[in-house]
Amino acid sequence: MTDWAIVSDRSGQVLAEYVAHLVDVTTRFGVRAEPLLKGTGIRASTLEKPDALVPQASFQLLVMRALELTREPGLGFHYGMSLKLSAHGQPGLLAMTSGTLRDALMVAVRFVPLRVVALTLTPRVEGDELVLEIVHDVPPAAEVFASESFMVSFAQMGRSLVGRTLEGRVEFPFAEPAHFKRFAHLLPPARFGRARNSLRLPLSVLDQAVVTSDSVVARRIERELSRELSELDERATYLSRVRRQLRPDDIPSLEELADRLDTSTRTLKRKLAAHGTSYRLLVEELRRARAQMLLRDGGRSMTQIAEALGYTDRATFHRAYRRWFGSTPGSGR
């Protein structure tokens, strides 16, 4: 009940468990993992480690390849149905042990940052309805996939929580896709061309009891997640300060970065290590994302892209790209 997958940790990465679910779904369409992962920089061995992290940009590439190779425009529905409550770890278990649907919904709103930073859930009351606005940070080409997978995963998890189909309706910001009618039965009534993705639930359904409620377990998990959320806020604040000093057209050296943050290089390296990253990884993250953008744009030569990323020559960029994605920049273009 928390996300469309994606997922990700606090630094633009996605939990490998979510990636593995997408790979598993595509195999049902006869697409093997090897060609699916090719060029994304994701290794098959990574998917066997649920807590491992995959760059968000790589996951988005995987989504686009999955849509292309399966030739299934409604792949988001298949993916969303694969994401049961158990796929979301402790937040999913807390939702399962909540007292009411309202409590479970607040679990999603409060703890979604622990699973996905590319997703924001904002609840508000309009008349006799609770409106949950969903904003996800994905490329336009993946918007339909993201929206449909979130909505169908929410609907099926709601059914599992209260033992019946949820009342209400869903709203999408795009025109109705041609494939939607094949999957419409999986969702409450849908409207298209709205301002944003939204779920609308009658206030009267929010007090329905969760069939797997367990107040003792819920209290324990909530304490654990609250502590984890506090630690996340602290880490995110520091990393945000660091990232604000790193721009594609202005990548300072480690020493210059430390000066800008009014600290020593030793302290900076120690703090970054404590946050699970390093100066080198942050710079590579920035270069990797910019490389994909420049390659998609198509207006620059490989030599010009290498120079824009701060590499001394095209060969150095070529080696870095192969290390990131397991393929050549030409295949990425």
Protein backbone atom coordinates (compact mmCIF):
# COMPACT_ATOMS: atom_id res chain seq x y z
CA MET A 1 0.00 0.00 0.00
CA THR A 2 3.01 2.23 -0.19
CA ASP A 3 4.42 2.63 -3.63
CA TRP A 4 4.62 1.84 -7.31
CA ALA A 5 7.98 0.26 -6.82
CA ILE A 6 10.26 1.91 -7.28
CA VAL A 7 11.44 2.61 -4.82
CA SER A 8 14.28 3.70 -3.93
CA ASP A 9 16.46 4.65 -1.04
CA ARG A 10 17.26 8.17 0.09
CA SER A 11 19.96 8.78 -2.51
CA GLY A 12 18.17 8.02 -5.77
CA GLN A 13 18.43 4.24 -5.61
CA VAL A 14 15.89 1.41 -5.73
CA LEU A 15 15.73 -1.65 -3.53
CA ALA A 16 16.75 -4.72 -5.53
CA GLU A 17 13.66 -6.52 -4.24
CA TYR A 18 11.43 -4.23 -6.32
CA VAL A 19 13.66 -4.71 -9.34
CA ALA A 20 13.47 -8.49 -8.93
CA HIS A 21 9.66 -8.32 -8.96
CA LEU A 22 9.71 -6.53 -12.31
CA VAL A 23 12.15 -9.06 -13.77
CA ASP A 24 9.93 -11.89 -12.54
CA VAL A 25 6.84 -10.33 -14.16
CA THR A 26 8.56 -9.97 -17.53
CA THR A 27 9.57 -13.64 -17.55
CA ARG A 28 5.86 -14.46 -17.78
CA PHE A 29 5.95 -12.86 -21.23
CA GLY A 30 8.84 -15.05 -22.35
CA VAL A 31 11.49 -12.36 -21.78
CA ARG A 32 14.63 -13.74 -20.17
CA ALA A 33 16.48 -11.77 -17.52
CA GLU A 34 19.72 -11.53 -19.49
CA PRO A 35 18.42 -9.49 -22.47
CA LEU A 36 16.17 -7.48 -20.15
CA LEU A 37 19.05 -6.39 -17.91
CA LYS A 38 21.48 -5.75 -20.77
CA GLY A 39 22.51 -2.13 -20.94
CA THR A 40 20.84 -1.16 -17.64
CA GLY A 41 23.91 -1.67 -15.46
CA ILE A 42 21.95 -4.08 -13.23
CA ARG A 43 23.57 -7.45 -12.63
CA ALA A 44 21.50 -10.60 -12.14
CA SER A 45 23.46 -11.44 -8.96
CA THR A 46 22.25 -8.17 -7.40
CA LEU A 47 18.64 -9.33 -7.57
CA GLU A 48 19.42 -12.16 -5.16
CA LYS A 49 20.17 -9.59 -2.44
CA PRO A 50 16.82 -7.93 -1.53
CA ASP A 51 18.48 -5.15 0.48
CA ALA A 52 20.96 -4.28 -2.28
CA LEU A 53 20.46 -0.98 -4.08
CA VAL A 54 20.16 -0.19 -7.78
CA PRO A 55 20.45 3.34 -9.23
CA GLN A 56 17.03 4.80 -9.91
CA ALA A 57 18.11 5.75 -13.44
CA SER A 58 18.95 2.09 -14.09
CA PHE A 59 15.55 0.97 -12.82
CA GLN A 60 13.84 3.46 -15.11
CA LEU A 61 15.83 2.08 -18.04
CA LEU A 62 14.70 -1.39 -17.00
CA VAL A 63 11.05 -0.28 -17.05
CA MET A 64 11.43 1.06 -20.59
CA ARG A 65 13.16 -2.12 -21.78
CA ALA A 66 10.47 -4.27 -20.16
CA LEU A 67 7.74 -2.32 -21.95
CA GLU A 68 9.61 -2.68 -25.24
CA LEU A 69 10.49 -6.36 -24.98
CA THR A 70 7.17 -7.61 -23.60
CA ARG A 71 5.15 -5.46 -26.01
CA GLU A 72 2.58 -5.18 -23.23
CA PRO A 73 1.48 -1.55 -22.73
CA GLY A 74 -0.46 -2.63 -19.63
CA LEU A 75 2.65 -4.04 -17.95
CA GLY A 76 2.11 -1.69 -15.03
CA PHE A 77 -1.00 -3.64 -14.05
CA HIS A 78 0.90 -6.92 -14.03
CA TYR A 79 3.70 -5.37 -11.99
CA GLY A 80 1.34 -3.71 -9.51
CA MET A 81 -0.48 -7.00 -8.92
CA SER A 82 2.86 -8.64 -8.07
CA LEU A 83 3.48 -6.19 -5.22
CA LYS A 84 1.67 -7.70 -2.28
CA LEU A 85 1.91 -6.13 1.18
CA SER A 86 4.72 -8.54 2.02
CA ALA A 87 6.84 -6.97 -0.77
CA HIS A 88 7.11 -3.74 1.23
CA GLY A 89 8.91 -5.11 4.26
CA GLN A 90 8.19 -3.64 7.69
CA PRO A 91 5.84 -0.88 6.43
CA GLY A 92 3.77 -3.56 4.71
CA LEU A 93 3.66 -5.63 7.89
CA LEU A 94 2.61 -2.58 9.91
CA ALA A 95 -0.25 -1.95 7.48
CA MET A 96 -1.31 -5.61 7.85
CA THR A 97 -1.42 -5.33 11.65
CA SER A 98 -3.14 -1.92 11.79
CA GLY A 99 -6.54 -1.59 13.41
CA THR A 100 -8.49 0.05 10.58
CA LEU A 101 -8.13 0.96 6.93
CA ARG A 102 -7.56 4.57 8.05
CA ASP A 103 -4.62 3.45 10.19
CA ALA A 104 -3.16 1.42 7.34
CA LEU A 105 -3.50 4.38 4.98
CA MET A 106 -1.61 6.61 7.41
CA VAL A 107 1.17 4.01 7.50
CA ALA A 108 1.61 4.52 3.75
CA VAL A 109 1.57 8.32 4.05
CA ARG A 110 4.00 8.42 6.96
CA PHE A 111 6.49 5.74 6.07
CA VAL A 112 6.62 5.78 2.26
CA PRO A 113 9.98 7.69 2.38
CA LEU A 114 11.54 4.58 3.92
CA ARG A 115 10.83 2.69 0.70
CA VAL A 116 10.54 5.26 -2.09
CA VAL A 117 11.73 8.86 -2.33
CA ALA A 118 10.38 9.29 -5.86
CA LEU A 119 6.83 9.18 -4.47
CA THR A 120 4.80 11.64 -2.39
CA LEU A 121 1.41 10.84 -0.86
CA THR A 122 -0.72 13.80 0.28
CA PRO A 123 -4.12 13.14 1.94
CA ARG A 124 -6.90 15.70 2.29
CA VAL A 125 -10.63 15.65 3.00
CA GLU A 126 -13.09 16.94 0.42
CA GLY A 127 -16.71 16.75 1.57
CA ASP A 128 -17.43 13.12 2.40
CA GLU A 129 -14.29 11.79 0.65
CA LEU A 130 -10.67 11.27 1.54
CA VAL A 131 -8.52 12.29 -1.44
CA LEU A 132 -5.02 10.83 -1.63
CA GLU A 133 -2.89 12.69 -4.18
CA ILE A 134 0.03 10.73 -5.62
CA VAL A 135 3.02 12.49 -7.14
CA HIS A 136 5.82 10.32 -8.54
CA ASP A 137 9.09 11.51 -10.04
CA VAL A 138 9.42 9.40 -13.20
CA PRO A 139 10.17 10.18 -16.86
CA PRO A 140 7.09 11.01 -18.97
CA ALA A 141 7.49 7.76 -20.95
CA ALA A 142 7.04 5.76 -17.73
CA GLU A 143 4.16 7.82 -16.30
CA VAL A 144 1.37 5.46 -17.37
CA PHE A 145 3.29 2.41 -16.11
CA ALA A 146 3.96 4.11 -12.76
CA SER A 147 0.42 5.37 -12.26
CA GLU A 148 -1.29 2.12 -13.21
CA SER A 149 1.02 -0.06 -11.14
CA PHE A 150 0.53 2.10 -8.06
CA MET A 151 -3.26 2.21 -8.37
CA VAL A 152 -3.72 -1.51 -8.93
CA SER A 153 -1.30 -2.43 -6.13
CA PHE A 154 -3.17 -0.14 -3.76
CA ALA A 155 -6.54 -1.60 -4.78
CA GLN A 156 -5.46 -5.21 -4.32
CA MET A 157 -3.76 -4.51 -1.00
CA GLY A 158 -6.87 -2.68 0.20
CA ARG A 159 -8.91 -5.79 -0.60
CA SER A 160 -6.50 -7.98 1.35
CA LEU A 161 -6.63 -5.64 4.36
CA VAL A 162 -10.41 -5.46 4.78
CA GLY A 163 -11.49 -8.58 2.91
CA ARG A 164 -13.61 -6.79 0.30
CA THR A 165 -13.29 -4.58 -2.76
CA LEU A 166 -12.69 -0.94 -1.91
CA GLU A 167 -15.34 1.63 -2.74
CA GLY A 168 -14.32 4.89 -4.34
CA ARG A 169 -12.65 5.90 -7.60
CA VAL A 170 -9.26 6.62 -9.13
CA GLU A 171 -8.14 9.57 -11.25
CA PHE A 172 -5.34 9.81 -13.81
CA PRO A 173 -3.76 12.93 -15.38
CA PHE A 174 -3.55 11.41 -18.89
CA ALA A 175 -6.05 10.33 -21.54
CA GLU A 176 -7.44 6.81 -21.29
CA PRO A 177 -4.91 4.39 -22.86
CA ALA A 178 -6.15 1.92 -25.44
CA HIS A 179 -5.15 -1.03 -23.23
CA PHE A 180 -7.01 0.18 -20.14
CA LYS A 181 -10.30 -1.60 -20.81
CA ARG A 182 -8.55 -4.98 -20.48
CA PHE A 183 -7.65 -4.16 -16.87
CA ALA A 184 -10.45 -1.83 -15.74
CA HIS A 185 -12.05 -4.58 -13.63
CA LEU A 186 -9.00 -4.51 -11.33
CA LEU A 187 -9.70 -0.94 -10.22
CA PRO A 188 -12.53 1.16 -8.82
CA PRO A 189 -14.21 3.37 -11.46
CA ALA A 190 -11.58 5.52 -13.21
CA ARG A 191 -11.56 9.05 -14.60
CA PHE A 192 -8.93 10.45 -16.97
CA GLY A 193 -7.55 13.85 -17.89
CA ARG A 194 -7.55 15.02 -14.26
CA ALA A 195 -5.06 17.36 -12.65
CA ARG A 196 -3.04 14.55 -11.02
CA ASN A 197 -3.11 10.94 -9.87
CA SER A 198 -5.60 10.61 -7.03
CA LEU A 199 -7.45 7.99 -5.04
CA ARG A 200 -10.85 9.00 -3.69
CA LEU A 201 -12.33 6.95 -0.87
CA PRO A 202 -15.62 7.59 1.00
CA LEU A 203 -14.87 8.58 4.60
CA SER A 204 -17.36 5.92 5.67
CA VAL A 205 -15.04 3.05 4.56
CA LEU A 206 -12.00 4.22 6.52
CA ASP A 207 -13.18 2.71 9.80
CA GLN A 208 -13.42 -0.81 8.34
CA ALA A 209 -11.41 -3.22 10.49
CA VAL A 210 -8.24 -4.78 9.09
CA VAL A 211 -8.74 -8.55 9.09
CA THR A 212 -5.15 -9.24 10.21
CA SER A 213 -5.04 -6.57 12.93
CA ASP A 214 -2.57 -7.16 15.80
CA SER A 215 -2.09 -4.17 18.09
CA VAL A 216 0.88 -5.68 19.98
CA VAL A 217 2.88 -6.34 16.81
CA ALA A 218 1.79 -3.01 15.31
CA ARG A 219 3.13 -1.02 18.28
CA ARG A 220 6.50 -2.77 18.11
CA ILE A 221 6.90 -2.24 14.36
CA GLU A 222 5.80 1.39 14.59
CA ARG A 223 8.52 2.10 17.16
CA GLU A 224 11.14 0.52 14.90
CA LEU A 225 9.97 2.41 11.82
CA SER A 226 9.74 5.72 13.69
CA ARG A 227 13.34 5.33 14.77
CA GLU A 228 14.38 4.47 11.21
CA LEU A 229 12.49 7.49 9.86
CA SER A 230 14.30 9.82 12.28
CA GLU A 231 17.65 8.42 11.15
CA LEU A 232 16.59 8.84 7.54
CA ASP A 233 15.69 12.50 8.07
CA GLU A 234 19.10 13.15 9.58
CA ARG A 235 20.92 11.42 6.71
CA ALA A 236 18.80 13.04 4.03
CA THR A 237 19.43 16.52 5.44
CA TYR A 238 23.20 16.09 5.34
CA LEU A 239 23.29 14.48 1.89
CA SER A 240 21.02 17.21 0.53
CA ARG A 241 23.52 19.82 1.70
CA VAL A 242 26.32 17.95 -0.04
CA ARG A 243 24.39 17.40 -3.27
CA ARG A 244 23.50 21.09 -3.52
CA GLN A 245 27.21 21.72 -4.01
CA LEU A 246 27.45 19.27 -6.92
CA ARG A 247 26.15 20.33 -10.32
CA PRO A 248 26.74 18.82 -13.76
CA ASP A 249 28.56 21.97 -14.88
CA ASP A 250 30.39 22.49 -11.59
CA ILE A 251 31.84 19.40 -9.96
CA PRO A 252 34.31 20.53 -7.30
CA SER A 253 37.25 18.44 -6.13
CA LEU A 254 36.99 16.75 -2.75
CA GLU A 255 39.05 19.54 -1.20
CA GLU A 256 36.90 22.25 -2.80
CA LEU A 257 33.72 20.50 -1.67
CA ALA A 258 35.01 20.34 1.91
CA ASP A 259 35.81 24.07 1.79
CA ARG A 260 32.31 24.89 0.57
CA LEU A 261 30.84 22.88 3.45
CA ASP A 262 33.26 24.51 5.92
CA THR A 263 34.74 21.20 7.02
CA SER A 264 37.89 19.14 6.52
CA THR A 265 38.29 16.49 3.82
CA ARG A 266 38.79 13.87 6.54
CA THR A 267 35.53 14.79 8.29
CA LEU A 268 33.66 14.95 4.98
CA LYS A 269 34.84 11.49 3.96
CA ARG A 270 33.96 10.08 7.38
CA LYS A 271 30.43 11.54 7.32
CA LEU A 272 29.77 10.38 3.78
CA ALA A 273 30.94 6.88 4.72
CA ALA A 274 28.57 6.93 7.71
CA HIS A 275 25.76 7.76 5.28
CA GLY A 276 26.66 4.80 3.07
CA THR A 277 28.29 6.73 0.25
CA SER A 278 31.45 8.59 -0.78
CA TYR A 279 32.60 11.57 -2.82
CA ARG A 280 33.43 9.30 -5.75
CA LEU A 281 30.01 7.61 -5.69
CA LEU A 282 28.15 10.94 -5.53
CA VAL A 283 30.10 12.29 -8.50
CA GLU A 284 29.53 9.08 -10.46
CA GLU A 285 25.82 9.24 -9.66
CA LEU A 286 25.69 12.76 -11.08
CA ARG A 287 27.70 11.86 -14.17
CA ARG A 288 25.70 8.68 -14.80
CA ALA A 289 22.37 10.52 -14.79
CA ARG A 290 23.72 13.34 -16.97
CA ALA A 291 25.29 10.87 -19.41
CA GLN A 292 21.92 9.23 -20.01
CA MET A 293 20.28 12.61 -20.56
CA LEU A 294 22.94 13.76 -23.03
CA LEU A 295 22.84 10.48 -24.95
CA ARG A 296 19.06 10.63 -25.26
CA ASP A 297 19.27 14.22 -26.46
CA GLY A 298 21.44 13.14 -29.39
CA GLY A 299 22.75 16.61 -30.16
CA ARG A 300 26.37 16.04 -29.09
CA SER A 301 29.14 13.77 -30.23
CA MET A 302 30.66 11.22 -27.85
CA THR A 303 33.73 13.44 -27.45
CA GLN A 304 31.58 16.43 -26.55
CA ILE A 305 29.61 14.34 -24.02
CA ALA A 306 32.85 13.12 -22.45
CA GLU A 307 34.05 16.71 -22.10
CA ALA A 308 30.70 17.85 -20.66
CA LEU A 309 31.00 15.16 -17.99
CA GLY A 310 34.52 16.19 -17.05
CA TYR A 311 36.41 13.28 -18.61
CA THR A 312 39.80 13.85 -20.23
CA ASP A 313 38.89 11.90 -23.36
CA ARG A 314 36.28 9.75 -25.04
CA ALA A 315 37.96 6.47 -24.05
CA THR A 316 37.75 7.31 -20.34
CA PHE A 317 34.04 8.07 -20.68
CA HIS A 318 33.57 4.83 -22.64
CA ARG A 319 35.15 2.79 -19.82
CA ALA A 320 33.06 4.55 -17.16
CA TYR A 321 29.83 3.98 -19.08
CA ARG A 322 30.60 0.29 -19.53
CA ARG A 323 31.27 0.01 -15.79
CA TRP A 324 27.93 1.68 -14.97
CA PHE A 325 25.65 -0.08 -17.43
CA GLY A 326 27.55 -3.06 -18.82
CA SER A 327 27.27 -1.75 -22.38
CA THR A 328 28.70 0.94 -24.66
CA PRO A 329 27.51 4.56 -24.87
CA GLY A 330 26.52 3.82 -28.47
CA SER A 331 24.03 1.18 -27.37
CA GLY A 332 22.73 3.60 -24.75
CA ARG A 333 22.05 6.15 -27.45
